[in-house]
All heavy atoms as atom14 arrays in JSON, in Angstrom:
{
  "sequence": "LTGKSVLDIGCNAGFYSMEMKRRGAGRVLGIDSD",
  "atom14_mask": [
    [1, 1, 1, 1, 1, 1, 1, 1, 0, 0, 0, 0, 0, 0],
    [1, 1, 1, 1, 1, 1, 1, 0, 0, 0, 0, 0, 0, 0],
    [1, 1, 1, 1, 0, 0, 0, 0, 0, 0, 0, 0, 0, 0],
    [1, 1, 1, 1, 1, 1, 1, 1, 1, 0, 0, 0, 0, 0],
    [1, 1, 1, 1, 1, 1, 0, 0, 0, 0, 0, 0, 0, 0],
    [1, 1, 1, 1, 1, 1, 1, 0, 0, 0, 0, 0, 0, 0],
    [1, 1, 1, 1, 1, 1, 1, 1, 0, 0, 0, 0, 0, 0],
    [1, 1, 1, 1, 1, 1, 1, 1, 0, 0, 0, 0, 0, 0],
    [1, 1, 1, 1, 1, 1, 1, 1, 0, 0, 0, 0, 0, 0],
    [1, 1, 1, 1, 0, 0, 0, 0, 0, 0, 0, 0, 0, 0],
    [1, 1, 1, 1, 1, 1, 0, 0, 0, 0, 0, 0, 0, 0],
    [1, 1, 1, 1, 1, 1, 1, 1, 0, 0, 0, 0, 0, 0],
    [1, 1, 1, 1, 1, 0, 0, 0, 0, 0, 0, 0, 0, 0],
    [1, 1, 1, 1, 0, 0, 0, 0, 0, 0, 0, 0, 0, 0],
    [1, 1, 1, 1, 1, 1, 1, 1, 1, 1, 1, 0, 0, 0],
    [1, 1, 1, 1, 1, 1, 1, 1, 1, 1, 1, 1, 0, 0],
    [1, 1, 1, 1, 1, 1, 0, 0, 0, 0, 0, 0, 0, 0],
    [1, 1, 1, 1, 1, 1, 1, 1, 0, 0, 0, 0, 0, 0],
    [1, 1, 1, 1, 1, 1, 1, 1, 1, 0, 0, 0, 0, 0],
    [1, 1, 1, 1, 1, 1, 1, 1, 0, 0, 0, 0, 0, 0],
    [1, 1, 1, 1, 1, 1, 1, 1, 1, 0, 0, 0, 0, 0],
    [1, 1, 1, 1, 1, 1, 1, 1, 1, 1, 1, 0, 0, 0],
    [1, 1, 1, 1, 1, 1, 1, 1, 1, 1, 1, 0, 0, 0],
    [1, 1, 1, 1, 0, 0, 0, 0, 0, 0, 0, 0, 0, 0],
    [1, 1, 1, 1, 1, 0, 0, 0, 0, 0, 0, 0, 0, 0],
    [1, 1, 1, 1, 0, 0, 0, 0, 0, 0, 0, 0, 0, 0],
    [1, 1, 1, 1, 1, 1, 1, 1, 1, 1, 1, 0, 0, 0],
    [1, 1, 1, 1, 1, 1, 1, 0, 0, 0, 0, 0, 0, 0],
    [1, 1, 1, 1, 1, 1, 1, 1, 0, 0, 0, 0, 0, 0],
    [1, 1, 1, 1, 0, 0, 0, 0, 0, 0, 0, 0, 0, 0],
    [1, 1, 1, 1, 1, 1, 1, 1, 0, 0, 0, 0, 0, 0],
    [1, 1, 1, 1, 1, 1, 1, 1, 0, 0, 0, 0, 0, 0],
    [1, 1, 1, 1, 1, 1, 0, 0, 0, 0, 0, 0, 0, 0],
    [1, 1, 1, 1, 1, 1, 1, 1, 0, 0, 0, 0, 0, 0]
  ],
  "atom14_positions": [
    [[0.83, -1.21, 0.0], [0.0, 0.0, 0.0], [0.86, 1.26, 0.0], [0.42, 2.32, 0.45], [-0.92, 0.0, 1.22], [-2.05, -1.04, 1.24], [-2.77, -1.03, 2.58], [-3.04, -0.8, 0.11], [0.0, 0.0, 0.0], [0.0, 0.0, 0.0], [0.0, 0.0, 0.0], [0.0, 0.0, 0.0], [0.0, 0.0, 0.0], [0.0, 0.0, 0.0]],
    [[2.06, 1.13, -0.5], [2.99, 2.26, -0.49], [2.36, 3.52, -1.07], [1.84, 3.51, -2.18], [4.26, 1.91, -1.29], [4.89, 0.76, -0.72], [5.24, 3.08, -1.28], [0.0, 0.0, 0.0], [0.0, 0.0, 0.0], [0.0, 0.0, 0.0], [0.0, 0.0, 0.0], [0.0, 0.0, 0.0], [0.0, 0.0, 0.0], [0.0, 0.0, 0.0]],
    [[2.39, 4.57, -0.27], [1.88, 5.87, -0.72], [0.37, 6.02, -0.65], [-0.15, 7.11, -0.9], [0.0, 0.0, 0.0], [0.0, 0.0, 0.0], [0.0, 0.0, 0.0], [0.0, 0.0, 0.0], [0.0, 0.0, 0.0], [0.0, 0.0, 0.0], [0.0, 0.0, 0.0], [0.0, 0.0, 0.0], [0.0, 0.0, 0.0], [0.0, 0.0, 0.0]],
    [[-0.35, 4.97, -0.3], [-1.81, 5.05, -0.24], [-2.25, 5.7, 1.07], [-1.59, 5.57, 2.11], [-2.44, 3.67, -0.36], [-2.12, 2.94, -1.65], [-2.76, 3.64, -2.85], [-2.54, 2.82, -4.13], [-3.14, 3.49, -5.31], [0.0, 0.0, 0.0], [0.0, 0.0, 0.0], [0.0, 0.0, 0.0], [0.0, 0.0, 0.0], [0.0, 0.0, 0.0]],
    [[-3.39, 6.38, 1.02], [-3.97, 6.97, 2.23], [-5.07, 6.06, 2.75], [-5.81, 5.44, 1.98], [-4.53, 8.36, 1.94], [-5.51, 8.3, 0.92], [0.0, 0.0, 0.0], [0.0, 0.0, 0.0], [0.0, 0.0, 0.0], [0.0, 0.0, 0.0], [0.0, 0.0, 0.0], [0.0, 0.0, 0.0], [0.0, 0.0, 0.0], [0.0, 0.0, 0.0]],
    [[-5.17, 5.98, 4.08], [-6.12, 5.06, 4.72], [-6.88, 5.79, 5.82], [-6.29, 6.5, 6.63], [-5.4, 3.84, 5.34], [-6.4, 2.93, 6.06], [-4.64, 3.05, 4.27], [0.0, 0.0, 0.0], [0.0, 0.0, 0.0], [0.0, 0.0, 0.0], [0.0, 0.0, 0.0], [0.0, 0.0, 0.0], [0.0, 0.0, 0.0], [0.0, 0.0, 0.0]],
    [[-8.2, 5.6, 5.84], [-9.05, 6.1, 6.91], [-9.67, 4.9, 7.6], [-10.38, 4.11, 6.97], [-10.14, 7.02, 6.37], [-11.18, 7.5, 7.4], [-10.54, 8.36, 8.47], [-12.32, 8.26, 6.7], [0.0, 0.0, 0.0], [0.0, 0.0, 0.0], [0.0, 0.0, 0.0], [0.0, 0.0, 0.0], [0.0, 0.0, 0.0], [0.0, 0.0, 0.0]],
    [[-9.43, 4.75, 8.9], [-9.96, 3.65, 9.69], [-11.06, 4.21, 10.59], [-10.77, 4.86, 11.61], [-8.82, 3.03, 10.51], [-9.25, 1.78, 11.27], [-10.42, 1.37, 11.17], [-8.39, 1.21, 11.98], [0.0, 0.0, 0.0], [0.0, 0.0, 0.0], [0.0, 0.0, 0.0], [0.0, 0.0, 0.0], [0.0, 0.0, 0.0], [0.0, 0.0, 0.0]],
    [[-12.31, 3.98, 10.22], [-13.46, 4.53, 10.95], [-13.87, 3.55, 12.05], [-14.14, 2.39, 11.78], [-14.64, 4.78, 10.0], [-14.24, 5.75, 8.88], [-15.85, 5.3, 10.76], [-15.3, 5.92, 7.81], [0.0, 0.0, 0.0], [0.0, 0.0, 0.0], [0.0, 0.0, 0.0], [0.0, 0.0, 0.0], [0.0, 0.0, 0.0], [0.0, 0.0, 0.0]],
    [[-13.94, 4.07, 13.28], [-14.21, 3.19, 14.42], [-12.99, 2.34, 14.69], [-13.08, 1.12, 14.84], [0.0, 0.0, 0.0], [0.0, 0.0, 0.0], [0.0, 0.0, 0.0], [0.0, 0.0, 0.0], [0.0, 0.0, 0.0], [0.0, 0.0, 0.0], [0.0, 0.0, 0.0], [0.0, 0.0, 0.0], [0.0, 0.0, 0.0], [0.0, 0.0, 0.0]],
    [[-11.83, 2.98, 14.77], [-10.54, 2.28, 14.79], [-10.3, 1.49, 16.06], [-9.39, 0.65, 16.1], [-9.4, 3.27, 14.57], [-9.25, 4.52, 15.88], [0.0, 0.0, 0.0], [0.0, 0.0, 0.0], [0.0, 0.0, 0.0], [0.0, 0.0, 0.0], [0.0, 0.0, 0.0], [0.0, 0.0, 0.0], [0.0, 0.0, 0.0], [0.0, 0.0, 0.0]],
    [[-11.06, 1.76, 17.13], [-10.86, 1.08, 18.39], [-9.4, 1.23, 18.83], [-8.89, 2.34, 18.83], [-11.3, -0.39, 18.27], [-11.66, -1.03, 19.59], [-10.79, -1.43, 20.36], [-12.94, -1.11, 19.88], [0.0, 0.0, 0.0], [0.0, 0.0, 0.0], [0.0, 0.0, 0.0], [0.0, 0.0, 0.0], [0.0, 0.0, 0.0], [0.0, 0.0, 0.0]],
    [[-8.7, 0.15, 19.14], [-7.32, 0.26, 19.61], [-6.3, 0.27, 18.48], [-5.1, 0.15, 18.73], [-7.01, -0.87, 20.59], [0.0, 0.0, 0.0], [0.0, 0.0, 0.0], [0.0, 0.0, 0.0], [0.0, 0.0, 0.0], [0.0, 0.0, 0.0], [0.0, 0.0, 0.0], [0.0, 0.0, 0.0], [0.0, 0.0, 0.0], [0.0, 0.0, 0.0]],
    [[-6.76, 0.4, 17.24], [-5.85, 0.68, 16.14], [-5.23, -0.51, 15.43], [-4.32, -0.33, 14.62], [0.0, 0.0, 0.0], [0.0, 0.0, 0.0], [0.0, 0.0, 0.0], [0.0, 0.0, 0.0], [0.0, 0.0, 0.0], [0.0, 0.0, 0.0], [0.0, 0.0, 0.0], [0.0, 0.0, 0.0], [0.0, 0.0, 0.0], [0.0, 0.0, 0.0]],
    [[-5.72, -1.72, 15.67], [-5.12, -2.9, 15.03], [-5.05, -2.76, 13.52], [-4.0, -2.96, 12.91], [-5.89, -4.16, 15.41], [-5.42, -5.4, 14.69], [-4.4, -6.17, 15.2], [-6.0, -5.8, 13.48], [-3.95, -7.31, 14.53], [-5.57, -6.93, 12.8], [-4.54, -7.68, 13.33], [0.0, 0.0, 0.0], [0.0, 0.0, 0.0], [0.0, 0.0, 0.0]],
    [[-6.18, -2.42, 12.89], [-6.21, -2.36, 11.43], [-5.42, -1.17, 10.9], [-4.79, -1.26, 9.84], [-7.66, -2.33, 10.93], [-8.37, -3.65, 11.13], [-9.34, -3.79, 12.13], [-8.06, -4.75, 10.36], [-9.98, -5.0, 12.33], [-8.69, -5.97, 10.55], [-9.65, -6.09, 11.54], [-10.27, -7.3, 11.74], [0.0, 0.0, 0.0], [0.0, 0.0, 0.0]],
    [[-5.43, -0.07, 11.62], [-4.62, 1.08, 11.21], [-3.15, 0.68, 11.13], [-2.44, 1.03, 10.17], [-4.78, 2.24, 12.21], [-6.09, 2.74, 12.21], [0.0, 0.0, 0.0], [0.0, 0.0, 0.0], [0.0, 0.0, 0.0], [0.0, 0.0, 0.0], [0.0, 0.0, 0.0], [0.0, 0.0, 0.0], [0.0, 0.0, 0.0], [0.0, 0.0, 0.0]],
    [[-2.68, -0.05, 12.12], [-1.28, -0.46, 12.15], [-0.98, -1.5, 11.09], [0.12, -1.52, 10.51], [-0.91, -0.93, 13.56], [-0.85, 0.21, 14.56], [-0.37, -0.27, 16.23], [-1.94, -0.89, 16.86], [0.0, 0.0, 0.0], [0.0, 0.0, 0.0], [0.0, 0.0, 0.0], [0.0, 0.0, 0.0], [0.0, 0.0, 0.0], [0.0, 0.0, 0.0]],
    [[-1.92, -2.38, 10.8], [-1.71, -3.36, 9.73], [-1.57, -2.67, 8.38], [-0.78, -3.07, 7.54], [-2.86, -4.37, 9.7], [-2.74, -5.48, 10.73], [-1.58, -6.44, 10.44], [-1.02, -6.38, 9.32], [-1.25, -7.24, 11.33], [0.0, 0.0, 0.0], [0.0, 0.0, 0.0], [0.0, 0.0, 0.0], [0.0, 0.0, 0.0], [0.0, 0.0, 0.0]],
    [[-2.36, -1.61, 8.17], [-2.25, -0.88, 6.91], [-0.9, -0.16, 6.82], [-0.28, -0.11, 5.76], [-3.39, 0.12, 6.77], [-4.78, -0.49, 6.71], [-5.04, -1.69, 5.37], [-4.91, -3.25, 6.28], [0.0, 0.0, 0.0], [0.0, 0.0, 0.0], [0.0, 0.0, 0.0], [0.0, 0.0, 0.0], [0.0, 0.0, 0.0], [0.0, 0.0, 0.0]],
    [[-0.45, 0.38, 7.93], [0.86, 1.04, 7.95], [1.97, 0.0, 7.71], [2.96, 0.28, 7.03], [1.05, 1.77, 9.27], [2.36, 2.55, 9.39], [2.51, 3.6, 8.31], [1.84, 4.89, 8.63], [2.23, 5.98, 7.66], [0.0, 0.0, 0.0], [0.0, 0.0, 0.0], [0.0, 0.0, 0.0], [0.0, 0.0, 0.0], [0.0, 0.0, 0.0]],
    [[1.81, -1.18, 8.25], [2.8, -2.24, 8.04], [2.91, -2.58, 6.56], [3.99, -2.96, 6.07], [2.42, -3.5, 8.83], [3.46, -4.62, 8.74], [3.0, -5.88, 9.42], [1.9, -6.52, 8.7], [2.06, -7.27, 7.62], [3.27, -7.43, 7.09], [1.02, -7.83, 7.04], [0.0, 0.0, 0.0], [0.0, 0.0, 0.0], [0.0, 0.0, 0.0]],
    [[1.82, -2.41, 5.82], [1.82, -2.7, 4.39], [2.32, -1.5, 3.56], [2.22, -1.52, 2.35], [0.42, -3.12, 3.93], [0.01, -4.48, 4.47], [-1.41, -4.85, 4.09], [-1.73, -6.17, 4.63], [-2.19, -7.21, 3.92], [-2.39, -7.07, 2.61], [-2.43, -8.36, 4.5], [0.0, 0.0, 0.0], [0.0, 0.0, 0.0], [0.0, 0.0, 0.0]],
    [[2.81, -0.49, 4.24], [3.45, 0.62, 3.54], [2.58, 1.83, 3.29], [3.02, 2.76, 2.59], [0.0, 0.0, 0.0], [0.0, 0.0, 0.0], [0.0, 0.0, 0.0], [0.0, 0.0, 0.0], [0.0, 0.0, 0.0], [0.0, 0.0, 0.0], [0.0, 0.0, 0.0], [0.0, 0.0, 0.0], [0.0, 0.0, 0.0], [0.0, 0.0, 0.0]],
    [[1.34, 1.84, 3.84], [0.46, 2.99, 3.61], [1.14, 4.28, 4.07], [1.87, 4.29, 5.06], [-0.86, 2.79, 4.34], [0.0, 0.0, 0.0], [0.0, 0.0, 0.0], [0.0, 0.0, 0.0], [0.0, 0.0, 0.0], [0.0, 0.0, 0.0], [0.0, 0.0, 0.0], [0.0, 0.0, 0.0], [0.0, 0.0, 0.0], [0.0, 0.0, 0.0]],
    [[0.89, 5.37, 3.35], [1.47, 6.66, 3.7], [0.73, 7.3, 4.84], [1.06, 7.09, 6.0], [0.0, 0.0, 0.0], [0.0, 0.0, 0.0], [0.0, 0.0, 0.0], [0.0, 0.0, 0.0], [0.0, 0.0, 0.0], [0.0, 0.0, 0.0], [0.0, 0.0, 0.0], [0.0, 0.0, 0.0], [0.0, 0.0, 0.0], [0.0, 0.0, 0.0]],
    [[-0.31, 8.08, 4.51], [-1.11, 8.71, 5.55], [-2.14, 7.71, 6.08], [-2.93, 7.14, 5.31], [-1.82, 9.94, 4.99], [-2.88, 10.54, 5.91], [-3.19, 11.97, 5.51], [-4.43, 12.49, 6.03], [-4.64, 12.78, 7.33], [-3.71, 12.54, 8.23], [-5.8, 13.28, 7.72], [0.0, 0.0, 0.0], [0.0, 0.0, 0.0], [0.0, 0.0, 0.0]],
    [[-2.14, 7.48, 7.39], [-3.13, 6.63, 8.03], [-3.79, 7.42, 9.15], [-3.11, 7.89, 10.07], [-2.51, 5.33, 8.59], [-3.58, 4.49, 9.29], [-1.85, 4.52, 7.48], [0.0, 0.0, 0.0], [0.0, 0.0, 0.0], [0.0, 0.0, 0.0], [0.0, 0.0, 0.0], [0.0, 0.0, 0.0], [0.0, 0.0, 0.0], [0.0, 0.0, 0.0]],
    [[-5.1, 7.56, 9.06], [-5.87, 8.26, 10.07], [-6.89, 7.31, 10.67], [-7.71, 6.74, 9.94], [-6.59, 9.47, 9.45], [-7.61, 10.21, 10.33], [-6.96, 10.78, 11.57], [-8.32, 11.3, 9.52], [0.0, 0.0, 0.0], [0.0, 0.0, 0.0], [0.0, 0.0, 0.0], [0.0, 0.0, 0.0], [0.0, 0.0, 0.0], [0.0, 0.0, 0.0]],
    [[-6.85, 7.14, 11.98], [-7.84, 6.33, 12.68], [-8.75, 7.24, 13.48], [-8.27, 8.11, 14.22], [0.0, 0.0, 0.0], [0.0, 0.0, 0.0], [0.0, 0.0, 0.0], [0.0, 0.0, 0.0], [0.0, 0.0, 0.0], [0.0, 0.0, 0.0], [0.0, 0.0, 0.0], [0.0, 0.0, 0.0], [0.0, 0.0, 0.0], [0.0, 0.0, 0.0]],
    [[-10.06, 7.09, 13.31], [-11.0, 7.91, 14.06], [-11.92, 7.03, 14.9], [-12.25, 5.9, 14.52], [-11.83, 8.83, 13.15], [-12.74, 8.01, 12.21], [-10.94, 9.76, 12.35], [-13.74, 8.86, 11.42], [0.0, 0.0, 0.0], [0.0, 0.0, 0.0], [0.0, 0.0, 0.0], [0.0, 0.0, 0.0], [0.0, 0.0, 0.0], [0.0, 0.0, 0.0]],
    [[-12.32, 7.55, 16.02], [-13.26, 6.85, 16.89], [-13.94, 7.91, 17.76], [-13.36, 8.96, 18.04], [-12.54, 5.82, 17.76], [-13.47, 4.7, 18.22], [-14.37, 4.97, 19.04], [-13.31, 3.56, 17.74], [0.0, 0.0, 0.0], [0.0, 0.0, 0.0], [0.0, 0.0, 0.0], [0.0, 0.0, 0.0], [0.0, 0.0, 0.0], [0.0, 0.0, 0.0]],
    [[-15.15, 7.62, 18.21], [-15.87, 8.56, 19.07], [-15.51, 8.38, 20.53], [-15.84, 9.22, 21.36], [-17.38, 8.4, 18.88], [-17.79, 7.07, 19.2], [0.0, 0.0, 0.0], [0.0, 0.0, 0.0], [0.0, 0.0, 0.0], [0.0, 0.0, 0.0], [0.0, 0.0, 0.0], [0.0, 0.0, 0.0], [0.0, 0.0, 0.0], [0.0, 0.0, 0.0]],
    [[-14.81, 7.28, 20.85], [-14.46, 6.95, 22.23], [-13.01, 7.31, 22.5], [-12.09, 6.71, 21.94], [-14.69, 5.45, 22.47], [-14.62, 5.06, 23.94], [-13.75, 5.6, 24.66], [-15.43, 4.21, 24.37], [0.0, 0.0, 0.0], [0.0, 0.0, 0.0], [0.0, 0.0, 0.0], [0.0, 0.0, 0.0], [0.0, 0.0, 0.0], [0.0, 0.0, 0.0]]
  ]
}
């Protein structure tokens, strides 16, 4: 995912956000209401 941007809606503790970053994503934003 090199250079790709990722939005993780309802990211909770960020597992999926970090997995996307591990795959090379550039900008990763995790949002949650909690």
